[in-house]
C-alpha cells in the first residue's frame, strides 16, 4: 500500500507522545490516524469506481478551504 508510510509515521508520533507524557497529543494523533485510514479507504473506493481523486463530491472540495489574501 502506497500510504502505509503515513500510517507508520502517525503511529510513531503517537508512541512518542505516549512515552513523553503528552496525552492530549496522543489522543489527537489517534484521531488523525483514524481519519487518514478513512480517507485512504475513500480514495481507494473512488479510484475503483473510476472517479478521479481530485474531483470532489458534487464539485466541492473536502475539508476547509481558505482563500489567500491575493485572491
PDB file of N, CA and C in Angstrom:
ATOM      1  N   UNK A   1       0.853  -1.187   0.000  1.00  0.00           N
ATOM      2  CA  UNK A   1       0.000   0.000   0.000  1.00  0.00           C
ATOM      3  C   UNK A   1       0.893   1.242   0.000  1.00  0.00           C
ATOM      4  N   UNK A   2       0.609   2.165  -0.882  1.00  0.00           N
ATOM      5  CA  UNK A   2       1.434   3.364  -1.052  1.00  0.00           C
ATOM      6  C   UNK A   2       1.350   4.318   0.137  1.00  0.00           C
ATOM      7  N   UNK A   3       0.310   4.225   0.929  1.00  0.00           N
ATOM      8  CA  UNK A   3       0.121   5.162   2.044  1.00  0.00           C
ATOM      9  C   UNK A   3       0.513   4.592   3.404  1.00  0.00           C
ATOM     10  N   UNK A   4       1.102   3.402   3.418  1.00  0.00           N
ATOM     11  CA  UNK A   4       1.490   2.790   4.690  1.00  0.00           C
ATOM     12  C   UNK A   4       2.468   3.660   5.462  1.00  0.00           C
ATOM     13  N   UNK A   5       3.339   4.359   4.761  1.00  0.00           N
ATOM     14  CA  UNK A   5       4.332   5.197   5.439  1.00  0.00           C
ATOM     15  C   UNK A   5       3.662   6.249   6.318  1.00  0.00           C
ATOM     16  N   UNK A   6       2.549   6.804   5.838  1.00  0.00           N
ATOM     17  CA  UNK A   6       1.849   7.841   6.596  1.00  0.00           C
ATOM     18  C   UNK A   6       1.260   7.247   7.878  1.00  0.00           C
ATOM     19  N   UNK A   7       0.686   6.067   7.769  1.00  0.00           N
ATOM     20  CA  UNK A   7       0.121   5.418   8.943  1.00  0.00           C
ATOM     21  C   UNK A   7       1.229   5.089   9.952  1.00  0.00           C
ATOM     22  N   UNK A   8       2.387   4.661   9.445  1.00  0.00           N
ATOM     23  CA  UNK A   8       3.516   4.357  10.320  1.00  0.00           C
ATOM     24  C   UNK A   8       4.023   5.612  11.037  1.00  0.00           C
ATOM     25  N   UNK A   9       4.115   6.711  10.322  1.00  0.00           N
ATOM     26  CA  UNK A   9       4.577   7.967  10.929  1.00  0.00           C
ATOM     27  C   UNK A   9       3.618   8.419  12.022  1.00  0.00           C
ATOM     28  N   UNK A  10       2.320   8.368  11.750  1.00  0.00           N
ATOM     29  CA  UNK A  10       1.340   8.764  12.757  1.00  0.00           C
ATOM     30  C   UNK A  10       1.414   7.854  13.985  1.00  0.00           C
ATOM     31  N   UNK A  11       1.616   6.564  13.773  1.00  0.00           N
ATOM     32  CA  UNK A  11       1.744   5.632  14.893  1.00  0.00           C
ATOM     33  C   UNK A  11       3.013   5.932  15.702  1.00  0.00           C
ATOM     34  N   UNK A  12       4.109   6.229  15.010  1.00  0.00           N
ATOM     35  CA  UNK A  12       5.359   6.563  15.705  1.00  0.00           C
ATOM     36  C   UNK A  12       5.215   7.847  16.515  1.00  0.00           C
ATOM     37  N   UNK A  13       4.569   8.850  15.945  1.00  0.00           N
ATOM     38  CA  UNK A  13       4.356  10.102  16.663  1.00  0.00           C
ATOM     39  C   UNK A  13       3.488   9.884  17.893  1.00  0.00           C
ATOM     40  N   UNK A  14       2.456   9.051  17.753  1.00  0.00           N
ATOM     41  CA  UNK A  14       1.590   8.767  18.901  1.00  0.00           C
ATOM     42  C   UNK A  14       2.365   8.058  19.995  1.00  0.00           C
ATOM     43  N   UNK A  15       3.189   7.098  19.612  1.00  0.00           N
ATOM     44  CA  UNK A  15       4.001   6.375  20.592  1.00  0.00           C
ATOM     45  C   UNK A  15       4.941   7.350  21.312  1.00  0.00           C
ATOM     46  N   UNK A  16       5.546   8.262  20.569  1.00  0.00           N
ATOM     47  CA  UNK A  16       6.424   9.257  21.183  1.00  0.00           C
ATOM     48  C   UNK A  16       5.643  10.119  22.174  1.00  0.00           C
ATOM     49  N   UNK A  17       4.448  10.550  21.775  1.00  0.00           N
ATOM     50  CA  UNK A  17       3.620  11.368  22.662  1.00  0.00           C
ATOM     51  C   UNK A  17       3.271  10.599  23.934  1.00  0.00           C
ATOM     52  N   UNK A  18       2.913   9.332  23.789  1.00  0.00           N
ATOM     53  CA  UNK A  18       2.619   8.498  24.965  1.00  0.00           C
ATOM     54  C   UNK A  18       3.818   8.400  25.904  1.00  0.00           C
ATOM     55  N   UNK A  19       4.972   8.188  25.331  1.00  0.00           N
ATOM     56  CA  UNK A  19       6.182   7.985  26.132  1.00  0.00           C
ATOM     57  C   UNK A  19       6.683   9.280  26.768  1.00  0.00           C
ATOM     58  N   UNK A  20       6.195  10.420  26.296  1.00  0.00           N
ATOM     59  CA  UNK A  20       6.682  11.700  26.798  1.00  0.00           C
ATOM     60  C   UNK A  20       5.595  12.507  27.497  1.00  0.00           C
ATOM     61  N   UNK A  21       4.628  11.782  28.060  1.00  0.00           N
ATOM     62  CA  UNK A  21       3.574  12.391  28.872  1.00  0.00           C
ATOM     63  C   UNK A  21       2.833  13.518  28.149  1.00  0.00           C
ATOM     64  N   UNK A  22       2.381  13.205  26.950  1.00  0.00           N
ATOM     65  CA  UNK A  22       1.600  14.146  26.144  1.00  0.00           C
ATOM     66  C   UNK A  22       0.281  13.481  25.747  1.00  0.00           C
ATOM     67  N   UNK A  23      -0.618  13.270  26.718  1.00  0.00           N
ATOM     68  CA  UNK A  23      -1.837  12.503  26.441  1.00  0.00           C
ATOM     69  C   UNK A  23      -2.785  13.166  25.431  1.00  0.00           C
ATOM     70  N   UNK A  24      -2.900  14.482  25.466  1.00  0.00           N
ATOM     71  CA  UNK A  24      -3.795  15.150  24.502  1.00  0.00           C
ATOM     72  C   UNK A  24      -3.271  14.986  23.081  1.00  0.00           C
ATOM     73  N   UNK A  25      -1.961  15.149  22.912  1.00  0.00           N
ATOM     74  CA  UNK A  25      -1.367  14.965  21.591  1.00  0.00           C
ATOM     75  C   UNK A  25      -1.536  13.524  21.121  1.00  0.00           C
ATOM     76  N   UNK A  26      -1.328  12.568  22.028  1.00  0.00           N
ATOM     77  CA  UNK A  26      -1.501  11.158  21.680  1.00  0.00           C
ATOM     78  C   UNK A  26      -2.930  10.888  21.212  1.00  0.00           C
ATOM     79  N   UNK A  27      -3.906  11.471  21.897  1.00  0.00           N
ATOM     80  CA  UNK A  27      -5.306  11.290  21.505  1.00  0.00           C
ATOM     81  C   UNK A  27      -5.581  11.905  20.136  1.00  0.00           C
ATOM     82  N   UNK A  28      -5.041  13.094  19.897  1.00  0.00           N
ATOM     83  CA  UNK A  28      -5.233  13.750  18.594  1.00  0.00           C
ATOM     84  C   UNK A  28      -4.583  12.939  17.474  1.00  0.00           C
ATOM     85  N   UNK A  29      -3.429  12.375  17.751  1.00  0.00           N
ATOM     86  CA  UNK A  29      -2.750  11.559  16.741  1.00  0.00           C
ATOM     87  C   UNK A  29      -3.515  10.273  16.470  1.00  0.00           C
ATOM     88  N   UNK A  30      -4.150   9.709  17.491  1.00  0.00           N
ATOM     89  CA  UNK A  30      -5.012   8.538  17.273  1.00  0.00           C
ATOM     90  C   UNK A  30      -6.174   8.908  16.362  1.00  0.00           C
ATOM     91  N   UNK A  31      -6.747  10.069  16.618  1.00  0.00           N
ATOM     92  CA  UNK A  31      -7.845  10.543  15.777  1.00  0.00           C
ATOM     93  C   UNK A  31      -7.352  10.796  14.352  1.00  0.00           C
ATOM     94  N   UNK A  32      -6.195  11.428  14.221  1.00  0.00           N
ATOM     95  CA  UNK A  32      -5.633  11.700  12.896  1.00  0.00           C
ATOM     96  C   UNK A  32      -5.384  10.408  12.130  1.00  0.00           C
ATOM     97  N   UNK A  33      -4.937   9.386  12.834  1.00  0.00           N
ATOM     98  CA  UNK A  33      -4.685   8.097  12.184  1.00  0.00           C
ATOM     99  C   UNK A  33      -5.993   7.473  11.689  1.00  0.00           C
ATOM    100  N   UNK A  34      -7.049   7.590  12.485  1.00  0.00           N
ATOM    101  CA  UNK A  34      -8.356   7.070  12.071  1.00  0.00           C
ATOM    102  C   UNK A  34      -8.882   7.843  10.862  1.00  0.00           C
ATOM    103  N   UNK A  35      -8.717   9.156  10.866  1.00  0.00           N
ATOM    104  CA  UNK A  35      -9.149   9.980   9.735  1.00  0.00           C
ATOM    105  C   UNK A  35      -8.357   9.607   8.487  1.00  0.00           C
ATOM    106  N   UNK A  36      -7.054   9.450   8.631  1.00  0.00           N
ATOM    107  CA  UNK A  36      -6.210   9.073   7.493  1.00  0.00           C
ATOM    108  C   UNK A  36      -6.654   7.729   6.918  1.00  0.00           C
ATOM    109  N   UNK A  37      -6.959   6.802   7.780  1.00  0.00           N
ATOM    110  CA  UNK A  37      -7.425   5.488   7.327  1.00  0.00           C
ATOM    111  C   UNK A  37      -8.724   5.613   6.535  1.00  0.00           C
ATOM    112  N   UNK A  38      -9.659   6.401   7.042  1.00  0.00           N
ATOM    113  CA  UNK A  38     -10.925   6.629   6.334  1.00  0.00           C
ATOM    114  C   UNK A  38     -10.687   7.282   4.982  1.00  0.00           C
ATOM    115  N   UNK A  39      -9.809   8.278   4.948  1.00  0.00           N
ATOM    116  CA  UNK A  39      -9.516   8.983   3.698  1.00  0.00           C
ATOM    117  C   UNK A  39      -8.867   8.052   2.675  1.00  0.00           C
ATOM    118  N   UNK A  40      -7.962   7.211   3.133  1.00  0.00           N
ATOM    119  CA  UNK A  40      -7.298   6.267   2.230  1.00  0.00           C
ATOM    120  C   UNK A  40      -8.309   5.292   1.652  1.00  0.00           C
ATOM    121  N   UNK A  41      -9.202   4.790   2.510  1.00  0.00           N
ATOM    122  CA  UNK A  41     -10.250   3.880   2.021  1.00  0.00           C
ATOM    123  C   UNK A  41     -11.158   4.574   1.011  1.00  0.00           C
ATOM    124  N   UNK A  42     -11.541   5.809   1.303  1.00  0.00           N
ATOM    125  CA  UNK A  42     -12.427   6.555   0.399  1.00  0.00           C
ATOM    126  C   UNK A  42     -11.749   6.803  -0.942  1.00  0.00           C
ATOM    127  N   UNK A  43     -10.479   7.164  -0.913  1.00  0.00           N
ATOM    128  CA  UNK A  43      -9.748   7.405  -2.153  1.00  0.00           C
ATOM    129  C   UNK A  43      -9.640   6.122  -2.974  1.00  0.00           C
ATOM    130  N   UNK A  44      -9.388   5.005  -2.290  1.00  0.00           N
ATOM    131  CA  UNK A  44      -9.307   3.722  -2.993  1.00  0.00           C
ATOM    132  C   UNK A  44     -10.650   3.363  -3.608  1.00  0.00           C
ATOM    133  N   UNK A  45     -11.728   3.661  -2.901  1.00  0.00           N
ATOM    134  CA  UNK A  45     -13.066   3.386  -3.418  1.00  0.00           C
ATOM    135  C   UNK A  45     -13.354   4.237  -4.650  1.00  0.00           C
ATOM    136  N   UNK A  46     -13.004   5.527  -4.571  1.00  0.00           N
ATOM    137  CA  UNK A  46     -13.219   6.413  -5.729  1.00  0.00           C
ATOM    138  C   UNK A  46     -12.401   5.948  -6.924  1.00  0.00           C
ATOM    139  N   UNK A  47     -11.183   5.531  -6.662  1.00  0.00           N
ATOM    140  CA  UNK A  47     -10.317   5.057  -7.736  1.00  0.00           C
ATOM    141  C   UNK A  47     -10.902   3.797  -8.368  1.00  0.00           C
ATOM    142  N   UNK A  48     -11.417   2.881  -7.521  1.00  0.00           N
ATOM    143  CA  UNK A  48     -12.017   1.643  -8.021  1.00  0.00           C
ATOM    144  C   UNK A  48     -13.259   1.930  -8.848  1.00  0.00           C
ATOM    145  N   UNK A  49     -13.977   3.023  -8.504  1.00  0.00           N
ATOM    146  CA  UNK A  49     -15.174   3.391  -9.241  1.00  0.00           C
ATOM    147  C   UNK A  49     -14.851   4.229 -10.473  1.00  0.00           C
ATOM    148  N   UNK A  50     -13.576   4.533 -10.676  1.00  0.00           N
ATOM    149  CA  UNK A  50     -13.177   5.305 -11.840  1.00  0.00           C
ATOM    150  C   UNK A  50     -13.314   6.804 -11.653  1.00  0.00           C
ATOM    151  N   UNK A  51     -13.484   7.276 -10.422  1.00  0.00           N
ATOM    152  CA  UNK A  51     -13.595   8.703 -10.149  1.00  0.00           C
ATOM    153  C   UNK A  51     -12.201   9.239  -9.873  1.00  0.00           C
ATOM    154  N   UNK A  52     -11.847  10.331 -10.521  1.00  0.00           N
ATOM    155  CA  UNK A  52     -10.542  10.935 -10.283  1.00  0.00           C
ATOM    156  C   UNK A  52     -10.479  11.487  -8.866  1.00  0.00           C
ATOM    157  N   UNK A  53      -9.336  11.334  -8.219  1.00  0.00           N
ATOM    158  CA  UNK A  53      -9.190  11.733  -6.831  1.00  0.00           C
ATOM    159  C   UNK A  53      -9.316  13.231  -6.628  1.00  0.00           C
ATOM    160  N   UNK A  54      -9.078  14.044  -7.641  1.00  0.00           N
ATOM    161  CA  UNK A  54      -9.170  15.486  -7.452  1.00  0.00           C
ATOM    162  C   UNK A  54     -10.581  16.009  -7.677  1.00  0.00           C
ATOM    163  N   UNK A  55     -11.504  15.132  -7.961  1.00  0.00           N
ATOM    164  CA  UNK A  55     -12.899  15.538  -8.115  1.00  0.00           C
ATOM    165  C   UNK A  55     -13.607  15.348  -6.782  1.00  0.00           C
ATOM    166  N   UNK A  56     -14.210  16.396  -6.275  1.00  0.00           N
ATOM    167  CA  UNK A  56     -14.967  16.283  -5.038  1.00  0.00           C
ATOM    168  C   UNK A  56     -16.389  15.865  -5.329  1.00  0.00           C
ATOM    169  N   UNK A  57     -17.081  15.408  -4.323  1.00  0.00           N
ATOM    170  CA  UNK A  57     -18.481  15.042  -4.464  1.00  0.00           C
ATOM    171  C   UNK A  57     -19.273  16.311  -4.743  1.00  0.00           C
ATOM    172  N   UNK A  58     -20.023  16.318  -5.796  1.00  0.00           N
ATOM    173  CA  UNK A  58     -20.829  17.485  -6.131  1.00  0.00           C
ATOM    174  C   UNK A  58     -19.992  18.716  -6.463  1.00  0.00           C
ATOM    175  N   UNK A  59     -18.724  18.489  -6.825  1.00  0.00           N
ATOM    176  CA  UNK A  59     -17.869  19.595  -7.194  1.00  0.00           C
ATOM    177  C   UNK A  59     -17.312  20.367  -6.012  1.00  0.00           C
ATOM    178  N   UNK A  60     -17.444  19.838  -4.807  1.00  0.00           N
ATOM    179  CA  UNK A  60     -16.916  20.536  -3.638  1.00  0.00           C
ATOM    180  C   UNK A  60     -15.595  19.919  -3.227  1.00  0.00           C
ATOM    181  N   UNK A  61     -14.795  20.684  -2.514  1.00  0.00           N
ATOM    182  CA  UNK A  61     -13.538  20.195  -2.006  1.00  0.00           C
ATOM    183  C   UNK A  61     -13.726  19.708  -0.587  1.00  0.00           C
ATOM    184  N   UNK A  62     -13.059  18.591  -0.218  1.00  0.00           N
ATOM    185  CA  UNK A  62     -13.170  18.141   1.165  1.00  0.00           C
ATOM    186  C   UNK A  62     -12.406  19.058   2.094  1.00  0.00           C
ATOM    187  N   UNK A  63     -12.872  19.171   3.313  1.00  0.00           N
ATOM    188  CA  UNK A  63     -12.170  19.964   4.308  1.00  0.00           C
ATOM    189  C   UNK A  63     -12.414  21.437   4.138  1.00  0.00           C
ATOM    190  N   UNK A  64     -11.630  22.203   4.863  1.00  0.00           N
ATOM    191  CA  UNK A  64     -11.781  23.654   4.880  1.00  0.00           C
ATOM    192  C   UNK A  64     -10.843  24.287   3.869  1.00  0.00           C
ATOM    193  N   UNK A  65     -11.350  25.199   3.092  1.00  0.00           N
ATOM    194  CA  UNK A  65     -10.531  25.887   2.104  1.00  0.00           C
ATOM    195  C   UNK A  65     -10.483  27.354   2.482  1.00  0.00           C
ATOM    196  N   UNK A  66      -9.276  27.916   2.559  1.00  0.00           N
ATOM    197  CA  UNK A  66      -9.100  29.306   2.916  1.00  0.00           C
ATOM    198  C   UNK A  66      -8.476  30.024   1.746  1.00  0.00           C
ATOM    199  N   UNK A  67      -9.096  31.091   1.300  1.00  0.00           N
ATOM    200  CA  UNK A  67      -8.563  31.858   0.175  1.00  0.00           C
ATOM    201  C   UNK A  67      -7.379  32.677   0.651  1.00  0.00           C
ATOM    202  N   UNK A  68      -6.416  32.828  -0.224  1.00  0.00           N
ATOM    203  CA  UNK A  68      -5.263  33.662   0.126  1.00  0.00           C
ATOM    204  C   UNK A  68      -5.653  35.118   0.017  1.00  0.00           C
ATOM    205  N   UNK A  69      -4.825  35.984   0.570  1.00  0.00           N
ATOM    206  CA  UNK A  69      -5.098  37.418   0.523  1.00  0.00           C
ATOM    207  C   UNK A  69      -4.965  37.964  -0.884  1.00  0.00           C
ATOM    208  N   UNK A  70      -4.267  37.238  -1.736  1.00  0.00           N
ATOM    209  CA  UNK A  70      -4.066  37.677  -3.123  1.00  0.00           C
ATOM    210  C   UNK A  70      -5.278  37.409  -3.999  1.00  0.00           C
ATOM    211  N   UNK A  71      -6.204  36.582  -3.507  1.00  0.00           N
ATOM    212  CA  UNK A  71      -7.365  36.197  -4.324  1.00  0.00           C
ATOM    213  C   UNK A  71      -8.331  37.331  -4.511  1.00  0.00           C
TER     214      UNK A  71
END
